[in-house]
Amino acid sequence: MTYCLPHLVSAALATPDLLPLRGQDALRIRAVEEITRDGARALRPFDPARDRALALPPAPLCSLDWTRPRIMGILNVTPDSFSDGGRFAGFDTARRHAAQLVAEGADILDIGGESTRPGAVEVPIDEEIARTAPLIRSLRADGLRVPISIDTRKAAVAAAAIEAGADFVNDVSALTWDRDMGRVVAEAGVPLCLMHAQGTPQTMQLNPQYSDVTLDVYDWLAAAKLRASAAGIAPDRVILDPGIGFGKTLEHNLALIQRLGMLHDLGCVILLGASRKRFIGTVSGVEEAGARMAGSLAVALHGAAQGAQILRVHDVAETRQALALWQALNNRTDEGSQA
């Protein structure tokens, strides 16, 4: 099999003949690198007919188009999340923080009631529902209208969240944890995010191994997409996440982010969730997760430059500011215009 990695250039520097990457205003496709498992690599011109998946814009989801990167604000209503565990576990505190994230520019809210950090223990279904569904219902009653995703591995939790007003499901197990999840998502007709993970939260960081992490994750997500299709979930409602930090070493995480653009060939919206994760602290020497905002912004901007359509982050206002400048610098402007 041949894998295709688009080589991109900003629209500000591109020649007029170069086409956008999947309809994104700021990025143009300069060439395509073909990669095989035997280590062969060859650069060739981009061909719109041959590279159709790279040229076609994804369908809008939850009224969001993908002409620019979208920000997913993280709201963990858990006592043990790696970065903000316990800060927003209280009902009123969570409501206020949700409103703050939207005010700061979140396009999507991702609400989770179970931590899946390395070493985390499973939360009972009833408890996870109690943490999330009433909050979602209350946010809708408050008039909050941005799309809400429910971050869960469990079908019953997803069903309760959808009934309360959630718009799509973010399943870190990619339908491998709960056999009923595919049915629940298909019957509700909502989008589904499929994330790659090697092992469970209890085992995933013990000694993760890959033949080639970028190609292995690509193949795994391709199979997950087929699994979703078999469950009745249309391909244009699937979002793919390489699962940074989930069963990966530092080297694995860096390689996946460097070649994130390879996933576009699967024809789905791509989500990058790297905010405040341990590899950022390892590279930068910052031990405290909450102090890794600057490193998280660097990774988010690299993800945007690779065409990630959704950036899942803790620091929404700062990410919005950074993206505003990134877009202004990369979008084409008239040379004679005045600032």
Protein backbone atom coordinates (compact mmCIF):
# COMPACT_ATOMS: atom_id res chain seq x y z
CA MET A 1 0.00 0.00 0.00
CA THR A 2 1.08 3.55 -0.74
CA TYR A 3 0.39 6.31 1.79
CA CYS A 4 0.05 9.93 0.66
CA LEU A 5 1.38 12.87 2.65
CA PRO A 6 0.43 16.29 1.24
CA HIS A 7 3.19 18.88 1.19
CA LEU A 8 1.55 22.20 1.93
CA VAL A 9 2.29 25.90 1.52
CA SER A 10 0.43 28.88 2.93
CA ALA A 11 -2.05 30.56 0.62
CA ALA A 12 -0.10 33.80 1.09
CA LEU A 13 2.92 32.28 -0.67
CA ALA A 14 1.19 29.93 -3.11
CA THR A 15 1.03 30.38 -6.85
CA PRO A 16 -2.52 30.81 -8.22
CA ASP A 17 -2.61 27.31 -9.72
CA LEU A 18 -2.31 25.52 -6.37
CA LEU A 19 -5.57 24.17 -4.93
CA PRO A 20 -6.71 24.40 -1.29
CA LEU A 21 -6.31 21.43 1.04
CA ARG A 22 -9.86 20.18 1.55
CA GLY A 23 -11.35 23.65 1.14
CA GLN A 24 -9.18 25.35 3.77
CA ASP A 25 -8.60 29.01 3.00
CA ALA A 26 -5.05 29.24 4.40
CA LEU A 27 -3.46 26.09 2.90
CA ARG A 28 -2.54 25.01 -0.63
CA ILE A 29 -1.25 21.63 -1.82
CA ARG A 30 2.22 21.96 -3.32
CA ALA A 31 2.96 18.26 -3.92
CA VAL A 32 2.25 14.77 -2.58
CA GLU A 33 4.83 12.49 -0.99
CA GLU A 34 4.21 8.79 -1.51
CA ILE A 35 5.42 6.55 1.33
CA THR A 36 5.52 2.76 1.53
CA ARG A 37 6.20 0.33 4.35
CA ASP A 38 9.55 -0.67 2.88
CA GLY A 39 10.80 2.88 3.46
CA ALA A 40 10.46 4.19 -0.08
CA ARG A 41 9.57 7.87 -0.38
CA ALA A 42 8.87 9.78 -3.58
CA LEU A 43 7.57 13.29 -4.22
CA ARG A 44 5.22 13.86 -7.14
CA PRO A 45 2.91 16.63 -8.35
CA PHE A 46 -0.54 16.90 -6.81
CA ASP A 47 -3.22 15.45 -9.10
CA PRO A 48 -6.81 16.53 -8.24
CA ALA A 49 -8.30 13.45 -9.88
CA ARG A 50 -5.89 10.97 -8.31
CA ASP A 51 -5.76 12.77 -4.94
CA ARG A 52 -9.49 13.39 -4.71
CA ALA A 53 -9.63 12.95 -0.92
CA LEU A 54 -7.15 15.81 -0.48
CA ALA A 55 -9.12 18.16 -2.73
CA LEU A 56 -12.71 17.61 -1.57
CA PRO A 57 -13.88 19.75 1.38
CA PRO A 58 -15.47 17.73 4.19
CA ALA A 59 -19.20 18.07 4.61
CA PRO A 60 -20.30 20.51 7.33
CA LEU A 61 -21.01 18.93 10.71
CA CYS A 62 -23.28 20.48 13.34
CA SER A 63 -23.52 23.58 11.12
CA LEU A 64 -19.73 24.02 11.17
CA ASP A 65 -17.81 24.34 7.91
CA TRP A 66 -14.11 23.54 7.70
CA THR A 67 -12.69 26.51 5.83
CA ARG A 68 -10.66 27.29 8.97
CA PRO A 69 -9.57 25.32 12.05
CA ARG A 70 -12.24 25.03 14.74
CA ILE A 71 -11.53 25.17 18.48
CA MET A 72 -12.93 22.48 20.76
CA GLY A 73 -12.90 23.65 24.36
CA ILE A 74 -12.29 20.96 26.98
CA LEU A 75 -14.65 20.74 29.97
CA ASN A 76 -13.70 17.85 32.25
CA VAL A 77 -16.25 17.37 35.02
CA THR A 78 -14.04 14.84 36.76
CA PRO A 79 -11.99 14.78 39.96
CA ASP A 80 -8.94 13.17 38.34
CA SER A 81 -8.19 14.55 34.87
CA PHE A 82 -4.46 15.04 34.33
CA SER A 83 -4.56 18.82 33.89
CA ASP A 84 -7.64 20.28 35.59
CA GLY A 85 -9.04 17.39 37.62
CA GLY A 86 -11.52 18.64 40.20
CA ARG A 87 -11.53 22.31 39.14
CA PHE A 88 -14.84 22.03 37.28
CA ALA A 89 -16.43 19.00 38.94
CA GLY A 90 -19.03 21.18 40.71
CA PHE A 91 -22.23 21.74 38.74
CA ASP A 92 -22.31 25.55 38.96
CA THR A 93 -18.56 25.82 38.39
CA ALA A 94 -18.89 23.67 35.26
CA ARG A 95 -21.75 25.81 33.94
CA ARG A 96 -19.74 28.99 34.42
CA HIS A 97 -16.67 27.52 32.79
CA ALA A 98 -18.70 26.32 29.79
CA ALA A 99 -20.04 29.84 29.29
CA GLN A 100 -16.52 31.22 29.63
CA LEU A 101 -15.10 28.84 27.02
CA VAL A 102 -17.80 29.86 24.54
CA ALA A 103 -17.24 33.55 25.29
CA GLU A 104 -13.52 33.03 24.64
CA GLY A 105 -14.23 31.58 21.21
CA ALA A 106 -14.83 27.83 21.50
CA ASP A 107 -16.63 26.50 18.41
CA ILE A 108 -17.38 23.20 20.16
CA LEU A 109 -17.57 22.11 23.81
CA ASP A 110 -16.23 18.65 24.69
CA ILE A 111 -17.72 17.47 27.99
CA GLY A 112 -16.31 14.40 29.70
CA GLY A 113 -17.22 12.67 32.95
CA GLU A 114 -14.51 10.00 32.98
CA SER A 115 -10.79 10.58 32.83
CA THR A 116 -8.90 8.38 30.38
CA ARG A 117 -5.44 9.64 31.35
CA PRO A 118 -2.75 6.97 31.88
CA GLY A 119 -3.59 4.98 35.02
CA ALA A 120 -7.18 6.24 35.31
CA VAL A 121 -9.83 3.88 36.68
CA GLU A 122 -13.20 3.25 35.08
CA VAL A 123 -16.16 5.31 36.29
CA PRO A 124 -19.52 3.53 36.79
CA ILE A 125 -22.07 4.31 34.07
CA ASP A 126 -24.62 5.89 36.43
CA GLU A 127 -21.99 8.19 37.91
CA GLU A 128 -20.70 9.26 34.51
CA ILE A 129 -24.25 10.04 33.36
CA ALA A 130 -24.90 12.02 36.55
CA ARG A 131 -21.79 14.11 35.92
CA THR A 132 -22.61 14.95 32.30
CA ALA A 133 -26.26 14.70 31.20
CA PRO A 134 -27.75 17.19 33.74
CA LEU A 135 -24.98 19.65 32.90
CA ILE A 136 -25.67 19.40 29.16
CA ARG A 137 -29.40 19.81 29.75
CA SER A 138 -28.76 22.86 31.91
CA LEU A 139 -26.44 24.45 29.34
CA ARG A 140 -29.12 24.07 26.67
CA ALA A 141 -31.68 25.58 29.05
CA ASP A 142 -29.27 28.49 29.59
CA GLY A 143 -29.38 29.15 25.85
CA LEU A 144 -25.94 27.78 24.93
CA ARG A 145 -26.10 26.88 21.25
CA VAL A 146 -22.58 25.81 20.22
CA PRO A 147 -22.21 22.11 19.37
CA ILE A 148 -21.53 19.88 22.38
CA SER A 149 -19.67 16.59 22.14
CA ILE A 150 -19.86 13.96 24.84
CA ASP A 151 -16.46 12.43 25.57
CA THR A 152 -17.27 8.84 26.53
CA ARG A 153 -16.59 5.20 25.71
CA LYS A 154 -20.02 4.05 26.91
CA ALA A 155 -23.20 3.78 24.87
CA ALA A 156 -25.54 4.48 27.77
CA VAL A 157 -23.65 7.66 28.64
CA ALA A 158 -23.71 8.76 25.00
CA ALA A 159 -27.45 8.08 24.73
CA ALA A 160 -28.20 10.09 27.89
CA ALA A 161 -26.03 12.97 26.69
CA ILE A 162 -27.66 13.05 23.25
CA GLU A 163 -31.10 13.04 24.86
CA ALA A 164 -29.95 15.98 27.02
CA GLY A 165 -28.80 17.96 24.00
CA ALA A 166 -25.34 16.76 22.93
CA ASP A 167 -24.64 16.96 19.21
CA PHE A 168 -22.02 14.27 18.70
CA VAL A 169 -19.97 11.59 20.41
CA ASN A 170 -16.22 11.60 21.05
CA ASP A 171 -15.30 7.95 21.65
CA VAL A 172 -11.67 7.47 22.68
CA SER A 173 -12.07 3.73 22.17
CA ALA A 174 -13.33 4.07 18.57
CA LEU A 175 -16.22 1.64 19.15
CA THR A 176 -14.01 -1.04 20.75
CA TRP A 177 -15.10 -0.58 24.39
CA ASP A 178 -18.90 -0.86 24.13
CA ARG A 179 -20.56 -2.91 21.42
CA ASP A 180 -23.73 -0.80 21.60
CA MET A 181 -22.00 2.50 20.88
CA GLY A 182 -22.20 2.16 17.10
CA ARG A 183 -25.92 1.46 17.26
CA VAL A 184 -26.61 4.41 19.56
CA VAL A 185 -24.69 6.81 17.31
CA ALA A 186 -26.24 5.45 14.11
CA GLU A 187 -29.79 5.64 15.47
CA ALA A 188 -29.25 9.19 16.70
CA GLY A 189 -27.74 10.21 13.35
CA VAL A 190 -24.99 12.23 15.02
CA PRO A 191 -21.30 12.56 14.11
CA LEU A 192 -18.73 10.33 15.81
CA CYS A 193 -15.08 10.95 16.61
CA LEU A 194 -12.92 7.81 16.48
CA MET A 195 -9.62 8.00 18.36
CA HIS A 196 -6.65 5.68 18.13
CA ALA A 197 -5.37 4.18 21.37
CA GLN A 198 -3.09 1.25 22.06
CA GLY A 199 -4.26 -0.57 25.18
CA THR A 200 -6.42 0.77 28.02
CA PRO A 201 -5.77 3.71 30.36
CA GLN A 202 -4.30 1.20 32.82
CA THR A 203 -1.86 -0.35 30.32
CA MET A 204 -1.34 2.01 27.39
CA GLN A 205 1.89 3.63 28.55
CA LEU A 206 3.66 0.50 29.80
CA ASN A 207 5.65 -0.18 26.62
CA PRO A 208 3.86 0.94 23.43
CA GLN A 209 5.31 -0.58 20.26
CA TYR A 210 4.73 0.12 16.56
CA SER A 211 6.26 -1.02 13.30
CA ASP A 212 5.87 2.53 11.96
CA VAL A 213 3.64 4.66 14.17
CA THR A 214 2.27 6.94 11.44
CA LEU A 215 1.43 4.09 9.10
CA ASP A 216 0.11 1.84 11.88
CA VAL A 217 -2.18 4.56 13.22
CA TYR A 218 -3.36 5.36 9.68
CA ASP A 219 -4.26 1.69 9.09
CA TRP A 220 -5.98 1.41 12.49
CA LEU A 221 -8.10 4.49 11.85
CA ALA A 222 -8.97 3.27 8.35
CA ALA A 223 -10.25 0.05 9.96
CA ALA A 224 -12.13 2.06 12.61
CA LYS A 225 -13.82 4.06 9.85
CA LEU A 226 -14.95 0.80 8.24
CA ARG A 227 -16.17 -0.41 11.63
CA ALA A 228 -18.29 2.71 11.97
CA SER A 229 -19.65 2.27 8.45
CA ALA A 230 -20.65 -1.32 9.25
CA ALA A 231 -22.57 0.04 12.25
CA GLY A 232 -24.53 2.36 9.97
CA ILE A 233 -22.56 5.57 10.52
CA ALA A 234 -21.99 7.46 7.29
CA PRO A 235 -18.32 8.21 6.44
CA ASP A 236 -19.07 11.93 6.14
CA ARG A 237 -20.10 11.95 9.81
CA VAL A 238 -16.81 10.45 11.03
CA ILE A 239 -14.03 12.48 12.67
CA LEU A 240 -10.60 10.90 13.17
CA ASP A 241 -8.16 11.52 16.03
CA PRO A 242 -4.64 9.99 16.11
CA GLY A 243 -4.78 9.82 19.92
CA ILE A 244 -1.73 11.79 20.99
CA GLY A 245 -0.52 10.40 24.32
CA PHE A 246 -2.71 7.31 24.22
CA GLY A 247 -0.26 4.42 24.02
CA LYS A 248 2.58 6.48 22.53
CA THR A 249 6.10 7.46 23.53
CA LEU A 250 7.52 10.94 23.04
CA GLU A 251 8.95 9.87 19.68
CA HIS A 252 5.62 8.38 18.59
CA ASN A 253 3.74 11.58 19.46
CA LEU A 254 6.19 13.81 17.60
CA ALA A 255 6.13 11.61 14.50
CA LEU A 256 2.33 11.57 14.40
CA ILE A 257 2.07 15.34 14.69
CA GLN A 258 4.80 15.87 12.09
CA ARG A 259 2.90 13.70 9.57
CA LEU A 260 -0.62 14.53 10.69
CA GLY A 261 -1.54 15.56 7.15
CA MET A 262 -1.32 11.94 6.02
CA LEU A 263 -4.70 11.30 7.65
CA HIS A 264 -6.47 13.59 5.18
CA ASP A 265 -6.27 10.83 2.60
CA LEU A 266 -8.90 8.99 4.69
CA GLY A 267 -11.42 11.68 3.72
CA CYS A 268 -12.57 12.64 7.23
CA VAL A 269 -12.34 15.67 9.48
CA ILE A 270 -9.16 15.44 11.58
CA LEU A 271 -9.06 16.28 15.30
CA LEU A 272 -5.81 16.98 17.13
CA GLY A 273 -5.91 16.76 20.92
CA ALA A 274 -2.48 17.50 22.37
CA SER A 275 -3.20 20.31 24.82
CA ARG A 276 -0.97 20.31 27.92
CA LYS A 277 0.04 16.67 27.43
CA ARG A 278 3.11 15.14 29.00
CA PHE A 279 5.23 15.09 25.83
CA ILE A 280 5.00 18.91 25.74
CA GLY A 281 6.42 19.01 29.25
CA THR A 282 9.13 16.51 28.36
CA VAL A 283 10.31 18.52 25.36
CA SER A 284 10.04 21.91 27.09
CA GLY A 285 11.09 20.95 30.60
CA VAL A 286 7.76 22.12 32.10
CA GLU A 287 6.57 19.64 34.71
CA GLU A 288 3.23 21.19 35.70
CA ALA A 289 0.52 20.45 33.13
CA GLY A 290 -1.24 23.77 33.69
CA ALA A 291 1.95 25.66 32.79
CA ARG A 292 2.23 24.12 29.30
CA MET A 293 0.09 26.67 27.46
CA ALA A 294 2.90 28.03 25.31
CA GLY A 295 3.95 24.57 24.19
CA SER A 296 0.32 23.66 23.54
CA LEU A 297 -0.06 26.71 21.29
CA ALA A 298 3.03 25.70 19.32
CA VAL A 299 1.57 22.24 18.73
CA ALA A 300 -1.86 23.65 17.85
CA LEU A 301 -0.38 25.96 15.21
CA HIS A 302 1.64 23.09 13.75
CA GLY A 303 -1.58 21.06 13.62
CA ALA A 304 -3.33 23.91 11.83
CA ALA A 305 -0.47 24.05 9.32
CA GLN A 306 -1.00 20.32 8.70
CA GLY A 307 -4.70 20.95 8.04
CA ALA A 308 -6.26 19.72 11.29
CA GLN A 309 -9.86 20.90 11.25
CA ILE A 310 -10.48 20.61 15.03
CA LEU A 311 -8.03 21.57 17.77
CA ARG A 312 -9.05 20.24 21.19
CA VAL A 313 -7.62 22.61 23.81
CA HIS A 314 -7.83 23.82 27.40
CA ASP A 315 -6.68 27.39 26.65
CA VAL A 316 -9.39 28.62 24.30
CA ALA A 317 -8.78 32.39 24.36
CA GLU A 318 -5.06 32.01 23.77
CA THR A 319 -5.59 29.48 20.99
CA ARG A 320 -8.16 31.74 19.33
CA GLN A 321 -5.70 34.64 19.39
CA ALA A 322 -2.87 32.53 18.00
CA LEU A 323 -5.09 31.14 15.22
CA ALA A 324 -6.33 34.61 14.28
CA LEU A 325 -2.74 35.68 13.65
CA TRP A 326 -1.88 32.40 11.91
CA GLN A 327 -4.81 32.84 9.54
CA ALA A 328 -3.99 36.49 8.85
CA LEU A 329 -0.39 35.59 8.00
CA ASN A 330 -1.28 32.60 5.83
CA ASN A 331 -4.33 33.84 3.93
CA ARG A 332 -3.74 35.58 0.62
CA THR A 333 -4.09 39.37 0.67
CA ASP A 334 -3.80 42.01 -2.03
CA GLU A 335 -0.24 43.31 -2.11
CA GLY A 336 -1.45 46.88 -2.37
CA SER A 337 -3.86 46.79 0.58
CA GLN A 338 -3.27 49.00 3.58
CA ALA A 339 -3.09 47.63 7.13
